[in-house]
Every structure is written in C-alpha cells, then in structure tokens.
Amino acid sequence: MKELSRNEIHSYFKKLEVALKDVLLGTSSGPSRSPSASEFMLMSITDENAVAFKHHFSRNYLFLLPNGELYVPVTNEAFNRGYFDSPCC
C-alpha cells in the first residue's frame, strides 16, 4: 500500500462516516447497532480501490467501495464474520 497523506486518510474516514450514517451493522449477540467511524482503523486500499477498515473491538473488516457503499463480508473466516460488537454498547 502506498503511503497515504494525512488529508487522504481524513478523506477516507469522512467517507466512512457518511456511509455509516444510516446503516445498522450486526453484532454477535443479535441486535444491530450503528457504529461510528472512530471505531475503525484504516488498513489498506485494495486493487479494486476499496478501502479496508478494521473494527477496533471485534477485529472484523468492512470495505468502503469506490461508489461510497459499504461491503461487509460475512463468512466463517477470522476477521470477516460480519459483526461489530462494542464493549460500550
């Protein structure tokens, strides 16, 4: 991954914030919740220009697609289980 500037990183987090605004994400206990962008860390940019974010607590990934939509992988593989629990909520 090329090194991103501070402005690029800020831009990706702003886009994530917008994408999460009206989205409920699943949790391991069942009820959905609306996480904030601050719960995620930017991990990489894929070859398809999707931005990979990893949730601080659950360690699961979601991807911000170039069109601004979110893709949440739901598999049995580690880090792609599709739930986003938080110790505070």
PDB file of N, CA and C in Angstrom:
ATOM      1  N   MET A   1       0.842  -1.177   0.000  1.00  0.00           N
ATOM      2  CA  MET A   1       0.000   0.000   0.000  1.00  0.00           C
ATOM      3  C   MET A   1       0.880   1.231   0.000  1.00  0.00           C
ATOM      4  N   LYS A   2       0.554   2.158  -0.874  1.00  0.00           N
ATOM      5  CA  LYS A   2       1.332   3.400  -0.886  1.00  0.00           C
ATOM      6  C   LYS A   2       1.036   4.190   0.378  1.00  0.00           C
ATOM      7  N   GLU A   3       1.997   4.980   0.780  1.00  0.00           N
ATOM      8  CA  GLU A   3       1.791   5.792   1.975  1.00  0.00           C
ATOM      9  C   GLU A   3       0.765   6.875   1.679  1.00  0.00           C
ATOM     10  N   LEU A   4      -0.221   6.988   2.550  1.00  0.00           N
ATOM     11  CA  LEU A   4      -1.289   7.964   2.367  1.00  0.00           C
ATOM     12  C   LEU A   4      -0.957   9.243   3.129  1.00  0.00           C
ATOM     13  N   SER A   5      -1.365  10.365   2.559  1.00  0.00           N
ATOM     14  CA  SER A   5      -1.181  11.633   3.250  1.00  0.00           C
ATOM     15  C   SER A   5      -2.234  11.770   4.347  1.00  0.00           C
ATOM     16  N   ARG A   6      -2.014  12.658   5.251  1.00  0.00           N
ATOM     17  CA  ARG A   6      -2.968  12.931   6.320  1.00  0.00           C
ATOM     18  C   ARG A   6      -4.326  13.334   5.733  1.00  0.00           C
ATOM     19  N   ASN A   7      -4.309  14.134   4.668  1.00  0.00           N
ATOM     20  CA  ASN A   7      -5.550  14.573   4.030  1.00  0.00           C
ATOM     21  C   ASN A   7      -6.299  13.399   3.395  1.00  0.00           C
ATOM     22  N   GLU A   8      -5.583  12.475   2.778  1.00  0.00           N
ATOM     23  CA  GLU A   8      -6.222  11.298   2.184  1.00  0.00           C
ATOM     24  C   GLU A   8      -6.873  10.431   3.265  1.00  0.00           C
ATOM     25  N   ILE A   9      -6.156  10.236   4.346  1.00  0.00           N
ATOM     26  CA  ILE A   9      -6.700   9.435   5.445  1.00  0.00           C
ATOM     27  C   ILE A   9      -7.959  10.098   6.002  1.00  0.00           C
ATOM     28  N   HIS A  10      -7.882  11.384   6.237  1.00  0.00           N
ATOM     29  CA  HIS A  10      -9.039  12.130   6.747  1.00  0.00           C
ATOM     30  C   HIS A  10     -10.222  12.007   5.777  1.00  0.00           C
ATOM     31  N   SER A  11      -9.947  12.096   4.496  1.00  0.00           N
ATOM     32  CA  SER A  11     -10.994  11.987   3.475  1.00  0.00           C
ATOM     33  C   SER A  11     -11.672  10.618   3.515  1.00  0.00           C
ATOM     34  N   TYR A  12     -10.886   9.561   3.661  1.00  0.00           N
ATOM     35  CA  TYR A  12     -11.467   8.212   3.732  1.00  0.00           C
ATOM     36  C   TYR A  12     -12.323   8.034   4.979  1.00  0.00           C
ATOM     37  N   PHE A  13     -11.898   8.605   6.088  1.00  0.00           N
ATOM     38  CA  PHE A  13     -12.706   8.498   7.306  1.00  0.00           C
ATOM     39  C   PHE A  13     -13.986   9.313   7.204  1.00  0.00           C
ATOM     40  N   LYS A  14     -13.941  10.459   6.536  1.00  0.00           N
ATOM     41  CA  LYS A  14     -15.162  11.240   6.314  1.00  0.00           C
ATOM     42  C   LYS A  14     -16.139  10.458   5.437  1.00  0.00           C
ATOM     43  N   LYS A  15     -15.618   9.792   4.413  1.00  0.00           N
ATOM     44  CA  LYS A  15     -16.477   8.977   3.545  1.00  0.00           C
ATOM     45  C   LYS A  15     -17.071   7.804   4.319  1.00  0.00           C
ATOM     46  N   LEU A  16     -16.288   7.204   5.205  1.00  0.00           N
ATOM     47  CA  LEU A  16     -16.801   6.118   6.037  1.00  0.00           C
ATOM     48  C   LEU A  16     -17.897   6.639   6.960  1.00  0.00           C
ATOM     49  N   GLU A  17     -17.679   7.803   7.528  1.00  0.00           N
ATOM     50  CA  GLU A  17     -18.673   8.415   8.412  1.00  0.00           C
ATOM     51  C   GLU A  17     -20.009   8.593   7.683  1.00  0.00           C
ATOM     52  N   VAL A  18     -19.972   9.079   6.457  1.00  0.00           N
ATOM     53  CA  VAL A  18     -21.183   9.261   5.649  1.00  0.00           C
ATOM     54  C   VAL A  18     -21.828   7.911   5.353  1.00  0.00           C
ATOM     55  N   ALA A  19     -21.028   6.934   4.979  1.00  0.00           N
ATOM     56  CA  ALA A  19     -21.559   5.609   4.631  1.00  0.00           C
ATOM     57  C   ALA A  19     -22.205   4.918   5.836  1.00  0.00           C
ATOM     58  N   LEU A  20     -21.687   5.165   7.035  1.00  0.00           N
ATOM     59  CA  LEU A  20     -22.222   4.531   8.239  1.00  0.00           C
ATOM     60  C   LEU A  20     -23.447   5.241   8.798  1.00  0.00           C
ATOM     61  N   LYS A  21     -23.708   6.449   8.308  1.00  0.00           N
ATOM     62  CA  LYS A  21     -24.748   7.306   8.883  1.00  0.00           C
ATOM     63  C   LYS A  21     -26.100   6.608   9.051  1.00  0.00           C
ATOM     64  N   ASP A  22     -26.568   5.932   8.044  1.00  0.00           N
ATOM     65  CA  ASP A  22     -27.896   5.302   8.077  1.00  0.00           C
ATOM     66  C   ASP A  22     -27.825   3.787   8.011  1.00  0.00           C
ATOM     67  N   VAL A  23     -26.713   3.218   8.491  1.00  0.00           N
ATOM     68  CA  VAL A  23     -26.511   1.775   8.390  1.00  0.00           C
ATOM     69  C   VAL A  23     -26.491   1.151   9.784  1.00  0.00           C
ATOM     70  N   LEU A  24     -27.165   0.032   9.911  1.00  0.00           N
ATOM     71  CA  LEU A  24     -27.076  -0.761  11.129  1.00  0.00           C
ATOM     72  C   LEU A  24     -26.251  -1.998  10.815  1.00  0.00           C
ATOM     73  N   LEU A  25     -25.265  -2.271  11.647  1.00  0.00           N
ATOM     74  CA  LEU A  25     -24.412  -3.442  11.454  1.00  0.00           C
ATOM     75  C   LEU A  25     -24.708  -4.463  12.543  1.00  0.00           C
ATOM     76  N   GLY A  26     -24.604  -5.728  12.181  1.00  0.00           N
ATOM     77  CA  GLY A  26     -24.909  -6.803  13.112  1.00  0.00           C
ATOM     78  C   GLY A  26     -23.897  -6.937  14.229  1.00  0.00           C
ATOM     79  N   THR A  27     -24.354  -7.608  15.296  1.00  0.00           N
ATOM     80  CA  THR A  27     -23.479  -7.930  16.420  1.00  0.00           C
ATOM     81  C   THR A  27     -23.563  -9.430  16.666  1.00  0.00           C
ATOM     82  N   SER A  28     -22.638  -9.956  17.421  1.00  0.00           N
ATOM     83  CA  SER A  28     -22.643 -11.395  17.691  1.00  0.00           C
ATOM     84  C   SER A  28     -23.808 -11.808  18.583  1.00  0.00           C
ATOM     85  N   SER A  29     -24.375 -10.862  19.326  1.00  0.00           N
ATOM     86  CA  SER A  29     -25.489 -11.178  20.216  1.00  0.00           C
ATOM     87  C   SER A  29     -26.848 -10.961  19.564  1.00  0.00           C
ATOM     88  N   GLY A  30     -26.864 -10.490  18.321  1.00  0.00           N
ATOM     89  CA  GLY A  30     -28.120 -10.360  17.593  1.00  0.00           C
ATOM     90  C   GLY A  30     -28.544  -8.958  17.235  1.00  0.00           C
ATOM     91  N   PRO A  31     -28.761  -8.044  18.205  1.00  0.00           N
ATOM     92  CA  PRO A  31     -29.287  -6.730  17.826  1.00  0.00           C
ATOM     93  C   PRO A  31     -28.268  -5.932  17.012  1.00  0.00           C
ATOM     94  N   SER A  32     -28.769  -5.223  16.031  1.00  0.00           N
ATOM     95  CA  SER A  32     -27.896  -4.398  15.197  1.00  0.00           C
ATOM     96  C   SER A  32     -27.598  -3.084  15.906  1.00  0.00           C
ATOM     97  N   ARG A  33     -26.518  -2.462  15.485  1.00  0.00           N
ATOM     98  CA  ARG A  33     -26.133  -1.177  16.055  1.00  0.00           C
ATOM     99  C   ARG A  33     -25.526  -0.292  14.984  1.00  0.00           C
ATOM    100  N   SER A  34     -25.453   0.978  15.284  1.00  0.00           N
ATOM    101  CA  SER A  34     -24.896   1.947  14.347  1.00  0.00           C
ATOM    102  C   SER A  34     -23.546   2.428  14.877  1.00  0.00           C
ATOM    103  N   PRO A  35     -22.457   1.833  14.405  1.00  0.00           N
ATOM    104  CA  PRO A  35     -21.136   2.234  14.902  1.00  0.00           C
ATOM    105  C   PRO A  35     -20.693   3.565  14.294  1.00  0.00           C
ATOM    106  N   SER A  36     -19.743   4.196  14.930  1.00  0.00           N
ATOM    107  CA  SER A  36     -19.174   5.430  14.386  1.00  0.00           C
ATOM    108  C   SER A  36     -17.860   5.105  13.666  1.00  0.00           C
ATOM    109  N   ALA A  37     -17.453   6.011  12.812  1.00  0.00           N
ATOM    110  CA  ALA A  37     -16.214   5.824  12.056  1.00  0.00           C
ATOM    111  C   ALA A  37     -15.006   5.723  12.992  1.00  0.00           C
ATOM    112  N   SER A  38     -15.091   6.332  14.164  1.00  0.00           N
ATOM    113  CA  SER A  38     -13.962   6.311  15.100  1.00  0.00           C
ATOM    114  C   SER A  38     -13.707   4.924  15.683  1.00  0.00           C
ATOM    115  N   GLU A  39     -14.628   3.982  15.473  1.00  0.00           N
ATOM    116  CA  GLU A  39     -14.444   2.616  15.953  1.00  0.00           C
ATOM    117  C   GLU A  39     -13.583   1.784  15.002  1.00  0.00           C
ATOM    118  N   PHE A  40     -13.154   2.365  13.900  1.00  0.00           N
ATOM    119  CA  PHE A  40     -12.433   1.629  12.868  1.00  0.00           C
ATOM    120  C   PHE A  40     -11.044   2.195  12.653  1.00  0.00           C
ATOM    121  N   MET A  41     -10.161   1.338  12.134  1.00  0.00           N
ATOM    122  CA  MET A  41      -8.834   1.772  11.702  1.00  0.00           C
ATOM    123  C   MET A  41      -8.689   1.450  10.214  1.00  0.00           C
ATOM    124  N   LEU A  42      -8.089   2.353   9.493  1.00  0.00           N
ATOM    125  CA  LEU A  42      -7.866   2.149   8.060  1.00  0.00           C
ATOM    126  C   LEU A  42      -6.709   1.169   7.899  1.00  0.00           C
ATOM    127  N   MET A  43      -6.967   0.094   7.143  1.00  0.00           N
ATOM    128  CA  MET A  43      -5.952  -0.943   6.999  1.00  0.00           C
ATOM    129  C   MET A  43      -5.247  -0.917   5.643  1.00  0.00           C
ATOM    130  N   SER A  44      -6.024  -0.759   4.554  1.00  0.00           N
ATOM    131  CA  SER A  44      -5.399  -0.818   3.232  1.00  0.00           C
ATOM    132  C   SER A  44      -6.373  -0.350   2.174  1.00  0.00           C
ATOM    133  N   ILE A  45      -5.834  -0.176   0.982  1.00  0.00           N
ATOM    134  CA  ILE A  45      -6.623   0.100  -0.215  1.00  0.00           C
ATOM    135  C   ILE A  45      -6.448  -1.125  -1.103  1.00  0.00           C
ATOM    136  N   THR A  46      -7.549  -1.732  -1.535  1.00  0.00           N
ATOM    137  CA  THR A  46      -7.451  -2.929  -2.361  1.00  0.00           C
ATOM    138  C   THR A  46      -7.113  -2.571  -3.804  1.00  0.00           C
ATOM    139  N   ASP A  47      -6.799  -3.575  -4.595  1.00  0.00           N
ATOM    140  CA  ASP A  47      -6.526  -3.355  -6.018  1.00  0.00           C
ATOM    141  C   ASP A  47      -7.737  -2.796  -6.743  1.00  0.00           C
ATOM    142  N   GLU A  48      -8.944  -3.033  -6.186  1.00  0.00           N
ATOM    143  CA  GLU A  48     -10.186  -2.535  -6.783  1.00  0.00           C
ATOM    144  C   GLU A  48     -10.551  -1.159  -6.220  1.00  0.00           C
ATOM    145  N   ASN A  49      -9.629  -0.525  -5.501  1.00  0.00           N
ATOM    146  CA  ASN A  49      -9.808   0.793  -4.894  1.00  0.00           C
ATOM    147  C   ASN A  49     -10.860   0.830  -3.793  1.00  0.00           C
ATOM    148  N   ALA A  50     -11.143  -0.307  -3.193  1.00  0.00           N
ATOM    149  CA  ALA A  50     -11.978  -0.324  -1.992  1.00  0.00           C
ATOM    150  C   ALA A  50     -11.063  -0.064  -0.799  1.00  0.00           C
ATOM    151  N   VAL A  51     -11.594   0.598   0.194  1.00  0.00           N
ATOM    152  CA  VAL A  51     -10.809   0.913   1.382  1.00  0.00           C
ATOM    153  C   VAL A  51     -11.201  -0.056   2.490  1.00  0.00           C
ATOM    154  N   ALA A  52     -10.228  -0.797   3.001  1.00  0.00           N
ATOM    155  CA  ALA A  52     -10.469  -1.781   4.049  1.00  0.00           C
ATOM    156  C   ALA A  52     -10.318  -1.111   5.415  1.00  0.00           C
ATOM    157  N   PHE A  53     -11.366  -1.243   6.233  1.00  0.00           N
ATOM    158  CA  PHE A  53     -11.353  -0.749   7.605  1.00  0.00           C
ATOM    159  C   PHE A  53     -11.550  -1.928   8.543  1.00  0.00           C
ATOM    160  N   LYS A  54     -10.833  -1.913   9.653  1.00  0.00           N
ATOM    161  CA  LYS A  54     -10.947  -2.982  10.650  1.00  0.00           C
ATOM    162  C   LYS A  54     -11.509  -2.388  11.942  1.00  0.00           C
ATOM    163  N   HIS A  55     -12.516  -3.049  12.496  1.00  0.00           N
ATOM    164  CA  HIS A  55     -13.161  -2.587  13.717  1.00  0.00           C
ATOM    165  C   HIS A  55     -12.230  -2.823  14.911  1.00  0.00           C
ATOM    166  N   HIS A  56     -12.062  -1.812  15.745  1.00  0.00           N
ATOM    167  CA  HIS A  56     -11.131  -1.906  16.875  1.00  0.00           C
ATOM    168  C   HIS A  56     -11.461  -3.044  17.830  1.00  0.00           C
ATOM    169  N   PHE A  57     -12.733  -3.241  18.138  1.00  0.00           N
ATOM    170  CA  PHE A  57     -13.080  -4.227  19.151  1.00  0.00           C
ATOM    171  C   PHE A  57     -13.300  -5.622  18.567  1.00  0.00           C
ATOM    172  N   SER A  58     -14.170  -5.743  17.566  1.00  0.00           N
ATOM    173  CA  SER A  58     -14.482  -7.077  17.024  1.00  0.00           C
ATOM    174  C   SER A  58     -13.393  -7.599  16.103  1.00  0.00           C
ATOM    175  N   ARG A  59     -12.570  -6.696  15.574  1.00  0.00           N
ATOM    176  CA  ARG A  59     -11.474  -7.020  14.643  1.00  0.00           C
ATOM    177  C   ARG A  59     -11.975  -7.446  13.263  1.00  0.00           C
ATOM    178  N   ASN A  60     -13.265  -7.273  13.010  1.00  0.00           N
ATOM    179  CA  ASN A  60     -13.818  -7.627  11.703  1.00  0.00           C
ATOM    180  C   ASN A  60     -13.691  -6.465  10.731  1.00  0.00           C
ATOM    181  N   TYR A  61     -13.607  -6.824   9.468  1.00  0.00           N
ATOM    182  CA  TYR A  61     -13.427  -5.850   8.400  1.00  0.00           C
ATOM    183  C   TYR A  61     -14.747  -5.439   7.776  1.00  0.00           C
ATOM    184  N   LEU A  62     -14.743  -4.224   7.238  1.00  0.00           N
ATOM    185  CA  LEU A  62     -15.729  -3.805   6.257  1.00  0.00           C
ATOM    186  C   LEU A  62     -14.967  -3.011   5.206  1.00  0.00           C
ATOM    187  N   PHE A  63     -15.574  -2.885   4.037  1.00  0.00           N
ATOM    188  CA  PHE A  63     -14.910  -2.226   2.911  1.00  0.00           C
ATOM    189  C   PHE A  63     -15.764  -1.080   2.414  1.00  0.00           C
ATOM    190  N   LEU A  64     -15.140   0.061   2.206  1.00  0.00           N
ATOM    191  CA  LEU A  64     -15.790   1.208   1.593  1.00  0.00           C
ATOM    192  C   LEU A  64     -15.481   1.138   0.104  1.00  0.00           C
ATOM    193  N   LEU A  65     -16.520   0.910  -0.684  1.00  0.00           N
ATOM    194  CA  LEU A  65     -16.340   0.768  -2.126  1.00  0.00           C
ATOM    195  C   LEU A  65     -16.177   2.132  -2.787  1.00  0.00           C
ATOM    196  N   PRO A  66     -15.599   2.180  -3.994  1.00  0.00           N
ATOM    197  CA  PRO A  66     -15.391   3.456  -4.674  1.00  0.00           C
ATOM    198  C   PRO A  66     -16.680   4.263  -4.878  1.00  0.00           C
ATOM    199  N   ASN A  67     -17.840   3.584  -4.946  1.00  0.00           N
ATOM    200  CA  ASN A  67     -19.105   4.305  -5.136  1.00  0.00           C
ATOM    201  C   ASN A  67     -19.690   4.808  -3.813  1.00  0.00           C
ATOM    202  N   GLY A  68     -18.980   4.625  -2.696  1.00  0.00           N
ATOM    203  CA  GLY A  68     -19.420   5.117  -1.401  1.00  0.00           C
ATOM    204  C   GLY A  68     -20.248   4.135  -0.594  1.00  0.00           C
ATOM    205  N   GLU A  69     -20.559   2.976  -1.162  1.00  0.00           N
ATOM    206  CA  GLU A  69     -21.320   1.961  -0.445  1.00  0.00           C
ATOM    207  C   GLU A  69     -20.392   1.105   0.407  1.00  0.00           C
ATOM    208  N   LEU A  70     -20.970   0.463   1.420  1.00  0.00           N
ATOM    209  CA  LEU A  70     -20.215  -0.441   2.275  1.00  0.00           C
ATOM    210  C   LEU A  70     -20.417  -1.881   1.843  1.00  0.00           C
ATOM    211  N   TYR A  71     -19.356  -2.650   1.933  1.00  0.00           N
ATOM    212  CA  TYR A  71     -19.438  -4.095   1.734  1.00  0.00           C
ATOM    213  C   TYR A  71     -18.957  -4.735   3.027  1.00  0.00           C
ATOM    214  N   VAL A  72     -19.816  -5.561   3.627  1.00  0.00           N
ATOM    215  CA  VAL A  72     -19.483  -6.245   4.869  1.00  0.00           C
ATOM    216  C   VAL A  72     -19.407  -7.743   4.582  1.00  0.00           C
ATOM    217  N   PRO A  73     -18.207  -8.324   4.552  1.00  0.00           N
ATOM    218  CA  PRO A  73     -18.102  -9.764   4.330  1.00  0.00           C
ATOM    219  C   PRO A  73     -18.648 -10.536   5.530  1.00  0.00           C
ATOM    220  N   VAL A  74     -19.444 -11.543   5.251  1.00  0.00           N
ATOM    221  CA  VAL A  74     -19.997 -12.393   6.309  1.00  0.00           C
ATOM    222  C   VAL A  74     -19.630 -13.826   5.961  1.00  0.00           C
ATOM    223  N   THR A  75     -18.595 -14.319   6.639  1.00  0.00           N
ATOM    224  CA  THR A  75     -18.088 -15.673   6.403  1.00  0.00           C
ATOM    225  C   THR A  75     -17.785 -16.316   7.751  1.00  0.00           C
ATOM    226  N   ASN A  76     -17.251 -17.503   7.724  1.00  0.00           N
ATOM    227  CA  ASN A  76     -16.772 -18.154   8.942  1.00  0.00           C
ATOM    228  C   ASN A  76     -15.290 -17.902   9.164  1.00  0.00           C
ATOM    229  N   GLU A  77     -14.676 -17.129   8.282  1.00  0.00           N
ATOM    230  CA  GLU A  77     -13.250 -16.835   8.394  1.00  0.00           C
ATOM    231  C   GLU A  77     -13.003 -15.739   9.428  1.00  0.00           C
ATOM    232  N   ALA A  78     -11.886 -15.830  10.105  1.00  0.00           N
ATOM    233  CA  ALA A  78     -11.499 -14.791  11.055  1.00  0.00           C
ATOM    234  C   ALA A  78     -11.456 -13.436  10.361  1.00  0.00           C
ATOM    235  N   PHE A  79     -11.887 -12.425  11.057  1.00  0.00           N
ATOM    236  CA  PHE A  79     -11.890 -11.029  10.615  1.00  0.00           C
ATOM    237  C   PHE A  79     -12.947 -10.714   9.559  1.00  0.00           C
ATOM    238  N   ASN A  80     -13.714 -11.698   9.128  1.00  0.00           N
ATOM    239  CA  ASN A  80     -14.754 -11.468   8.117  1.00  0.00           C
ATOM    240  C   ASN A  80     -16.073 -12.088   8.561  1.00  0.00           C
ATOM    241  N   ARG A  81     -16.382 -11.944   9.826  1.00  0.00           N
ATOM    242  CA  ARG A  81     -17.591 -12.591  10.357  1.00  0.00           C
ATOM    243  C   ARG A  81     -18.816 -11.689  10.320  1.00  0.00           C
ATOM    244  N   GLY A  82     -18.652 -10.416   9.966  1.00  0.00           N
ATOM    245  CA  GLY A  82     -19.785  -9.535   9.737  1.00  0.00           C
ATOM    246  C   GLY A  82     -20.469  -8.989  10.981  1.00  0.00           C
ATOM    247  N   TYR A  83     -19.834  -9.075  12.154  1.00  0.00           N
ATOM    248  CA  TYR A  83     -20.433  -8.463  13.331  1.00  0.00           C
ATOM    249  C   TYR A  83     -19.479  -7.434  13.926  1.00  0.00           C
ATOM    250  N   PHE A  84     -20.066  -6.446  14.575  1.00  0.00           N
ATOM    251  CA  PHE A  84     -19.309  -5.293  15.053  1.00  0.00           C
ATOM    252  C   PHE A  84     -19.734  -4.925  16.472  1.00  0.00           C
ATOM    253  N   ASP A  85     -19.421  -5.806  17.400  1.00  0.00           N
ATOM    254  CA  ASP A  85     -19.742  -5.573  18.811  1.00  0.00           C
ATOM    255  C   ASP A  85     -18.885  -4.428  19.354  1.00  0.00           C
ATOM    256  N   SER A  86     -19.359  -3.841  20.425  1.00  0.00           N
ATOM    257  CA  SER A  86     -18.598  -2.802  21.105  1.00  0.00           C
ATOM    258  C   SER A  86     -18.742  -3.003  22.603  1.00  0.00           C
ATOM    259  N   PRO A  87     -17.678  -2.809  23.366  1.00  0.00           N
ATOM    260  CA  PRO A  87     -17.791  -3.010  24.813  1.00  0.00           C
ATOM    261  C   PRO A  87     -18.667  -1.947  25.494  1.00  0.00           C
ATOM    262  N   CYS A  88     -18.879  -0.840  24.800  1.00  0.00           N
ATOM    263  CA  CYS A  88     -19.636   0.249  25.420  1.00  0.00           C
ATOM    264  C   CYS A  88     -21.137   0.163  25.143  1.00  0.00           C
ATOM    265  N   CYS A  89     -21.577  -0.665  24.117  1.00  0.00           N
ATOM    266  CA  CYS A  89     -22.994  -0.625  23.720  1.00  0.00           C
ATOM    267  C   CYS A  89     -23.606  -2.010  23.644  1.00  0.00           C
TER     268      CYS A  89
END
